[in-house]
Protein backbone atom coordinates (compact mmCIF):
# COMPACT_ATOMS: atom_id res chain seq x y z
CA MET A 1 133.60 117.63 -34.64
CA PRO A 2 135.89 120.61 -33.72
CA ARG A 3 139.11 119.85 -31.90
CA MET A 4 138.88 119.71 -28.06
CA ASN A 5 140.62 122.09 -25.85
CA ALA A 6 143.02 120.59 -23.33
CA ASP A 7 140.65 120.78 -20.40
CA ALA A 8 137.88 119.09 -22.36
CA ALA A 9 140.28 116.28 -23.39
CA VAL A 10 141.24 115.72 -19.83
CA ALA A 11 137.55 115.55 -18.68
CA LEU A 12 136.84 113.13 -21.45
CA GLU A 13 139.74 110.87 -20.53
CA THR A 14 138.48 110.83 -16.98
CA LEU A 15 135.10 109.81 -18.04
CA LEU A 16 136.53 107.01 -20.09
CA GLN A 17 138.60 105.78 -17.22
CA HIS A 18 135.55 105.72 -15.01
CA ALA A 19 133.62 103.72 -17.55
CA LEU A 20 136.48 101.33 -17.89
CA SER A 21 136.85 100.92 -14.18
CA ALA A 22 132.99 100.35 -13.77
CA ARG A 23 133.11 97.70 -16.53
CA ALA A 24 136.06 95.98 -14.89
CA GLY A 25 134.24 95.97 -11.51
CA GLY A 26 131.10 94.53 -12.98
CA ASP A 27 128.99 97.68 -12.14
CA SER A 28 126.89 97.75 -15.35
CA ASP A 29 124.91 100.77 -14.20
CA ALA A 30 127.92 102.93 -13.40
CA ALA A 31 129.51 101.76 -16.71
CA LEU A 32 126.49 102.71 -18.76
CA ALA A 33 126.20 106.17 -17.05
CA ALA A 34 129.78 106.83 -17.68
CA ALA A 35 129.62 105.63 -21.27
CA ASP A 36 126.60 107.95 -21.83
CA ARG A 37 128.50 110.82 -20.36
CA VAL A 38 131.41 110.17 -22.84
CA LEU A 39 128.96 109.93 -25.82
CA GLY A 40 127.36 113.17 -24.54
CA VAL A 41 130.63 114.92 -24.86
CA ASP A 42 131.83 113.17 -28.07
CA GLY A 43 129.10 111.31 -29.80
CA ARG A 44 131.40 109.50 -32.23
CA ASN A 45 134.00 108.47 -29.43
CA VAL A 46 135.09 104.90 -30.31
CA LEU A 47 135.72 103.53 -26.88
CA GLY A 48 132.68 105.13 -25.47
CA ALA A 49 130.53 103.37 -28.06
CA ILE A 50 132.25 100.10 -27.29
CA LEU A 51 131.70 100.46 -23.64
CA LYS A 52 128.06 101.14 -23.96
CA GLY A 53 127.82 98.14 -26.52
CA ASP A 54 129.46 95.94 -23.82
CA VAL A 55 126.84 96.89 -21.18
CA LEU A 56 123.96 96.26 -23.46
CA ALA A 57 125.38 93.02 -24.67
CA ALA A 58 125.80 91.76 -21.09
CA ARG A 59 122.25 92.77 -20.45
CA GLY A 60 121.03 90.56 -23.40
CA ASP A 61 120.03 93.35 -25.62
CA ALA A 62 122.10 92.18 -28.64
CA ARG A 63 120.24 94.35 -31.22
CA SER A 64 121.08 97.58 -29.31
CA ALA A 65 124.60 96.40 -28.62
CA SER A 66 125.29 95.64 -32.30
CA SER A 67 124.33 99.18 -33.19
CA PHE A 68 126.82 100.67 -30.81
CA TYR A 69 129.54 98.30 -31.93
CA GLY A 70 128.78 99.03 -35.52
CA ALA A 71 129.06 102.84 -34.73
CA ALA A 72 132.44 102.18 -32.95
CA LEU A 73 133.82 100.33 -35.99
CA ALA A 74 132.62 103.06 -38.28
CA SER A 75 134.11 105.80 -36.36
CA ALA A 76 137.37 103.99 -36.00
CA GLN A 77 137.48 103.69 -39.76
CA GLN A 78 136.63 107.33 -40.43
CA ARG A 79 138.86 108.78 -37.74
CA GLY A 80 141.59 106.27 -37.85
CA ALA A 81 142.04 103.55 -35.35
CA ASP A 82 143.89 104.30 -32.10
CA PRO A 83 146.69 101.76 -31.89
CA GLU A 84 145.77 101.13 -28.15
CA LEU A 85 142.23 100.22 -29.31
CA LYS A 86 143.24 97.53 -31.78
CA GLY A 87 142.54 94.65 -29.40
CA GLU A 88 139.14 96.11 -28.44
CA LEU A 89 138.18 96.51 -32.11
CA ARG A 90 139.17 93.11 -33.03
CA ARG A 91 137.04 91.86 -30.05
CA VAL A 92 134.16 94.01 -31.20
CA GLN A 93 134.36 92.70 -34.83
CA GLN A 94 134.19 89.09 -33.64
CA ALA A 95 131.35 89.96 -31.19
CA LEU A 96 129.39 91.69 -34.01
CA ALA A 97 129.92 88.68 -36.28
CA ASP A 98 128.63 86.40 -33.65
CA MET A 99 125.57 88.46 -33.11
CA ARG A 100 124.72 88.71 -36.66
CA ARG A 101 125.18 84.93 -37.12
CA ARG A 102 122.83 84.30 -34.12
CA PHE A 103 120.38 86.75 -35.42
CA GLU A 104 120.43 85.04 -38.86
CA GLU A 105 119.88 81.49 -37.26
CA GLU A 106 117.02 82.71 -34.98
CA LEU A 107 115.38 84.60 -37.75
CA LEU A 108 115.52 81.73 -40.23
CA ALA A 109 114.32 79.33 -37.54
CA GLY A 110 111.50 81.59 -36.68
CA ILE A 111 110.17 82.11 -40.14
CA LYS A 112 110.44 78.42 -41.01
CA ALA A 113 108.38 77.68 -38.03
CA ARG A 114 105.84 80.16 -39.55
CA GLY A 115 105.68 78.52 -42.85
CA PHE A 116 108.69 79.73 -44.89
CA ASP A 117 110.18 76.97 -47.15
CA GLU A 118 113.49 77.78 -48.85
CA ALA A 119 112.72 75.37 -51.76
CA GLN A 120 109.10 76.41 -52.43
CA SER A 121 108.43 79.94 -51.01
CA SER A 122 108.86 83.16 -53.09
CA ALA A 123 112.31 83.67 -54.47
CA ARG A 124 112.00 87.46 -54.10
CA PHE A 125 111.18 86.93 -50.40
CA ALA A 126 114.13 84.61 -49.91
CA LEU A 127 116.47 87.30 -51.56
CA SER A 128 115.06 89.83 -49.18
CA LEU A 129 116.24 87.71 -46.20
CA ASP A 130 119.65 87.26 -47.82
CA LEU A 131 119.94 91.06 -48.05
CA LEU A 132 118.53 91.63 -44.59
CA THR A 133 121.01 89.20 -42.99
CA GLY A 134 123.93 90.32 -45.09
CA ARG A 135 124.42 86.99 -46.83
CA LYS A 136 124.28 88.72 -50.17
CA PRO A 137 125.01 92.23 -51.14
CA LEU A 138 122.55 94.60 -52.94
CA TYR A 139 123.22 95.27 -56.57
CA HIS A 140 121.51 97.89 -58.87
CA GLN A 141 120.99 98.53 -62.43
CA GLN A 142 123.84 100.75 -63.66
CA PRO A 143 123.45 101.22 -67.41
CA LYS A 144 126.44 103.01 -68.96
CA PHE A 145 124.35 104.85 -71.32
CA TYR A 146 120.49 104.88 -71.09
CA LEU A 147 118.34 104.42 -67.87
CA PHE A 148 114.67 103.84 -68.33
CA PRO A 149 113.24 104.62 -64.86
CA GLY A 150 110.82 102.42 -62.85
CA LEU A 151 111.85 99.02 -64.02
CA PRO A 152 112.28 96.24 -61.32
CA GLN A 153 115.77 95.44 -59.93
CA VAL A 154 115.82 91.79 -61.21
CA GLN A 155 119.09 89.94 -61.68
CA PHE A 156 117.77 86.79 -63.51
CA GLN A 157 114.44 87.11 -64.91
CA PRO A 158 111.87 84.63 -63.57
CA ARG A 159 110.91 81.88 -66.14
CA ALA A 160 107.24 82.84 -65.78
CA ASP A 161 108.17 85.97 -67.50
CA THR A 162 109.84 84.25 -70.38
CA PRO A 163 107.69 81.45 -71.46
CA TRP A 164 109.09 81.61 -75.05
CA LEU A 165 112.37 80.30 -73.73
CA ALA A 166 111.12 76.77 -73.55
CA ALA A 167 110.65 76.68 -77.43
CA ILE A 168 114.25 77.87 -77.89
CA GLU A 169 115.52 75.28 -75.53
CA ALA A 170 113.60 72.57 -77.51
CA ALA A 171 115.61 73.64 -80.47
CA ALA A 172 118.93 73.43 -78.91
CA PRO A 173 119.93 70.14 -80.62
CA ALA A 174 119.29 71.83 -83.97
CA ILE A 175 121.12 74.97 -83.02
CA ARG A 176 123.94 72.90 -81.65
CA ALA A 177 124.37 71.16 -85.02
CA GLU A 178 124.67 74.59 -86.79
CA LEU A 179 127.16 75.80 -84.19
CA GLU A 180 129.31 72.64 -84.77
CA ALA A 181 129.62 73.60 -88.41
CA VAL A 182 130.70 77.11 -87.43
CA LEU A 183 133.22 75.79 -84.81
CA ALA A 184 134.78 73.76 -87.57
CA GLU A 185 135.85 77.01 -89.02
CA PRO A 186 137.86 78.81 -86.24
CA ALA A 187 138.64 81.82 -88.42
CA LEU A 188 134.98 82.79 -88.28
CA PHE A 189 135.52 83.78 -84.64
CA ALA A 190 136.92 87.24 -83.70
CA PRO A 191 137.56 88.91 -80.28
CA TYR A 192 134.39 90.09 -78.78
CA VAL A 193 135.85 93.38 -77.53
CA GLU A 194 137.04 95.01 -80.64
CA ASP A 195 139.24 97.94 -81.06
CA ARG A 196 137.30 100.78 -82.87
CA SER A 197 139.19 103.59 -84.47
CA ASN A 198 136.53 106.15 -83.65
CA ARG A 199 136.80 105.52 -79.87
CA PRO A 200 139.53 105.81 -77.39
CA ARG A 201 141.41 102.59 -76.68
CA GLY A 202 140.59 101.19 -73.28
CA GLY A 203 142.11 98.26 -71.66
CA GLN A 204 138.65 96.65 -71.09
CA ALA A 205 140.35 94.88 -68.13
CA GLY A 206 142.50 92.97 -70.52
CA MET A 207 139.74 91.84 -72.83
CA LEU A 208 140.39 94.26 -75.82
CA GLU A 209 141.17 92.18 -78.68
CA ASN A 210 141.63 89.11 -76.58
CA PRO A 211 140.80 86.01 -78.38
CA SER A 212 139.89 84.24 -75.10
CA TRP A 213 136.51 85.84 -75.62
CA SER A 214 135.43 85.58 -79.07
CA ALA A 215 132.17 85.50 -81.12
CA VAL A 216 130.46 84.91 -84.39
CA PHE A 217 127.58 87.13 -85.14
CA LEU A 218 124.39 86.08 -86.98
CA TRP A 219 123.11 89.49 -86.29
CA LYS A 220 125.18 92.63 -85.21
CA ASP A 221 124.02 95.91 -83.90
CA GLY A 222 120.55 95.41 -85.41
CA ALA A 223 121.54 94.12 -88.84
CA VAL A 224 121.84 90.52 -90.35
CA VAL A 225 125.26 89.22 -90.93
CA PRO A 226 124.18 87.45 -94.16
CA GLU A 227 127.22 85.10 -94.66
CA VAL A 228 126.71 83.61 -91.12
CA ALA A 229 122.93 83.84 -90.81
CA ALA A 230 122.72 81.75 -93.99
CA ARG A 231 124.58 78.97 -92.19
CA CYS A 232 122.14 78.92 -89.29
CA PRO A 233 118.45 78.92 -90.47
CA GLN A 234 117.29 76.71 -87.61
CA THR A 235 118.77 79.07 -84.90
CA LEU A 236 117.11 82.05 -86.49
CA LYS A 237 113.79 80.01 -86.95
CA ALA A 238 113.88 79.11 -83.09
CA LEU A 239 114.40 82.87 -82.21
CA GLU A 240 111.27 83.86 -83.89
CA ALA A 241 109.56 83.01 -80.71
CA ALA A 242 111.40 85.60 -78.75
CA PRO A 243 110.56 89.34 -78.46
CA LEU A 244 113.76 90.45 -79.84
CA SER A 245 114.87 93.98 -78.91
CA ILE A 246 114.64 95.52 -82.39
CA ILE A 247 116.31 99.09 -82.54
CA PRO A 248 117.55 99.74 -86.04
CA GLY A 249 121.33 100.19 -86.23
CA ARG A 250 121.57 99.12 -82.53
CA SER A 251 120.04 95.79 -81.69
CA PRO A 252 119.41 92.91 -81.50
CA SER A 253 122.75 91.11 -81.62
CA ILE A 254 122.49 87.36 -82.10
CA LEU A 255 125.91 85.58 -81.73
CA PHE A 256 127.74 82.40 -80.66
CA SER A 257 130.12 83.48 -77.78
CA LYS A 258 133.12 81.33 -77.00
CA LEU A 259 135.05 81.67 -73.71
CA ALA A 260 138.40 79.74 -73.82
CA ALA A 261 139.33 77.24 -71.12
CA GLY A 262 140.73 79.15 -68.17
CA ALA A 263 139.46 82.50 -69.27
CA ARG A 264 137.54 85.06 -67.21
CA ILE A 265 135.36 88.02 -68.30
CA PRO A 266 135.67 90.54 -65.53
CA PRO A 267 132.86 92.36 -63.74
CA HIS A 268 131.05 94.98 -66.04
CA HIS A 269 127.81 96.69 -66.80
CA GLY A 270 125.66 96.86 -70.00
CA LEU A 271 124.57 100.00 -71.66
CA ILE A 272 120.79 100.16 -71.47
CA ASN A 273 118.35 98.63 -69.02
CA THR A 274 115.30 98.20 -71.36
CA ARG A 275 116.43 94.62 -72.39
CA LEU A 276 117.34 91.36 -71.17
CA ILE A 277 120.30 89.35 -72.43
CA CYS A 278 119.53 85.66 -73.10
CA HIS A 279 122.05 82.80 -72.91
CA LEU A 280 121.46 79.34 -74.42
CA PRO A 281 124.31 77.13 -73.33
CA LEU A 282 125.40 74.83 -76.26
CA VAL A 283 128.74 73.59 -75.07
CA ALA A 284 129.06 74.05 -71.43
CA PRO A 285 131.69 71.84 -69.61
CA PRO A 286 131.41 71.63 -65.91
CA GLY A 287 133.25 74.44 -64.20
CA SER A 288 131.95 77.21 -66.44
CA TRP A 289 130.18 79.84 -64.28
CA PHE A 290 128.31 83.07 -64.48
CA ARG A 291 127.46 85.66 -62.00
CA VAL A 292 124.81 88.39 -62.11
CA GLY A 293 124.81 90.57 -59.03
CA SER A 294 124.66 88.26 -55.97
CA ASP A 295 123.38 85.22 -57.91
CA GLN A 296 125.96 82.75 -59.28
CA ARG A 297 125.09 79.91 -61.49
CA GLN A 298 126.68 77.30 -63.73
CA TRP A 299 125.78 76.98 -67.36
CA LYS A 300 124.04 73.55 -68.31
CA GLU A 301 123.72 72.65 -71.95
CA GLY A 302 120.23 73.35 -73.27
CA GLN A 303 119.08 75.31 -70.12
CA ALA A 304 118.65 78.87 -71.07
CA TRP A 305 118.08 82.00 -68.89
CA ALA A 306 117.50 85.77 -69.22
CA PHE A 307 119.23 88.51 -67.08
CA ASP A 308 119.74 92.12 -66.84
CA ASP A 309 123.25 93.00 -67.99
CA THR A 310 123.10 96.48 -66.34
CA ILE A 311 123.64 94.76 -63.05
CA GLU A 312 127.30 93.93 -62.56
CA HIS A 313 128.11 90.60 -64.06
CA GLU A 314 130.92 88.34 -64.86
CA ALA A 315 131.99 84.95 -66.22
CA TRP A 316 134.69 82.49 -65.94
CA ASN A 317 135.59 79.06 -67.42
CA ASP A 318 137.48 76.86 -65.01
CA SER A 319 136.95 73.82 -67.14
CA GLY A 320 139.58 72.33 -69.54
CA GLN A 321 137.39 72.99 -72.60
CA ASP A 322 135.99 76.01 -74.46
CA ARG A 323 132.48 77.12 -73.42
CA THR A 324 130.09 78.31 -76.27
CA ILE A 325 126.66 79.72 -75.81
CA LEU A 326 124.00 81.52 -77.98
CA ILE A 327 123.46 85.10 -76.88
CA PHE A 328 120.50 87.39 -78.02
CA ASP A 329 118.68 90.26 -76.58
CA VAL A 330 114.95 90.75 -75.99
CA TRP A 331 112.77 93.52 -74.68
CA LYS A 332 112.03 93.48 -70.85
CA PRO A 333 108.38 92.41 -70.34
CA GLU A 334 107.65 95.67 -68.53
CA ILE A 335 108.35 97.85 -71.68
CA THR A 336 105.06 98.51 -73.54
CA GLU A 337 104.58 98.60 -77.30
CA GLU A 338 104.27 102.50 -77.05
CA GLU A 339 107.65 102.67 -75.06
CA ARG A 340 109.30 100.43 -77.49
CA GLY A 341 108.44 102.74 -80.32
CA LEU A 342 109.57 105.72 -78.29
CA ILE A 343 112.85 104.12 -77.47
CA ARG A 344 113.39 103.28 -81.17
CA ALA A 345 112.58 107.09 -81.83
CA LEU A 346 115.02 108.29 -79.33
CA PHE A 347 117.92 106.16 -80.80
CA ASP A 348 117.04 107.25 -84.29
CA ALA A 349 117.08 110.93 -83.27
CA ILE A 350 120.51 110.36 -81.68
CA ASP A 351 121.87 108.82 -84.87
CA ALA A 352 120.24 111.41 -87.04
CA GLY A 353 122.01 114.14 -84.90
CA GLY A 354 125.29 112.33 -84.90
CA GLY A 355 125.07 111.81 -81.13
CA ALA A 356 128.14 110.11 -79.69
CA THR A 357 126.54 106.97 -78.21
CA PRO A 358 128.15 103.57 -78.38
CA LYS A 359 126.58 100.48 -80.07
CA LEU A 360 124.47 98.43 -77.66
CA GLY A 361 126.34 95.16 -77.96
CA THR A 362 125.60 92.33 -75.64
């Protein structure tokens, strides 16, 4: 908004004083009229929005009041808060928080009375409520290299879409036995985030060459690692049930991933959104956690899940033991056979042309 001249600023200040006096005197009609005149002159006036919100709140119109309180806080943040208004802004923040809490409580009570059951009803609908009420933030797919459009924004894939996970879970004891033999040779593990001479060095938030997050690969970047794969025939046999995301020279990667006691993997995003990353926890002490978007879960041995790694995710191990899981990647169920072939062709063409694209990793 252009800077006001001196006369306009004085007139605006006079209107604000009228509104404040009317509010103090309990004359809501006069306070509302004065606040409207203030906002007519300066639509983003912080105190004017607060005063109008106060009148609407006093009249029981919390929904409209919250919109003006929100506008006041946004204007204060954009313009810089007037020191004289700090007390008003704190009051408005608290009032807005109280309104949102009451709205959430009334909404949940209302839909429960109409048949909603948090334990049994649609998980997608439950998430929509969390987003509507602000209990959870919205996260999007943000692949660092390749975006395939039109795919659902799903954090953890519903089990109905991954029926083959049950067979892999059933094989967990045999896979765990093979893992124990690998764990007996610590030298097989190497830091998951490697320093590559043909790529710039990046701190990777402290994970570059950090042994706290280490791995042993059975397959890496779409190719078998023979010396490790030969040790783990039952693991590879179990994965025959999965629709592995096969892109020559790229994926799948199949690995045992170890996170040391007390270690944390910082929030990050994967490279392409046409696949799901699958975890089968094999050594999962209580206190080892994983977050994808707004959904946080604790690993439990033998209980697998599949998730979209292009949505922000992180892991931490607050237990006193190392946590080790089997990781592999599969096609998303929405990707057709034709599209799988075209995606393979795309990466083949990139490689044939010497395109600078990173390995897909997990």
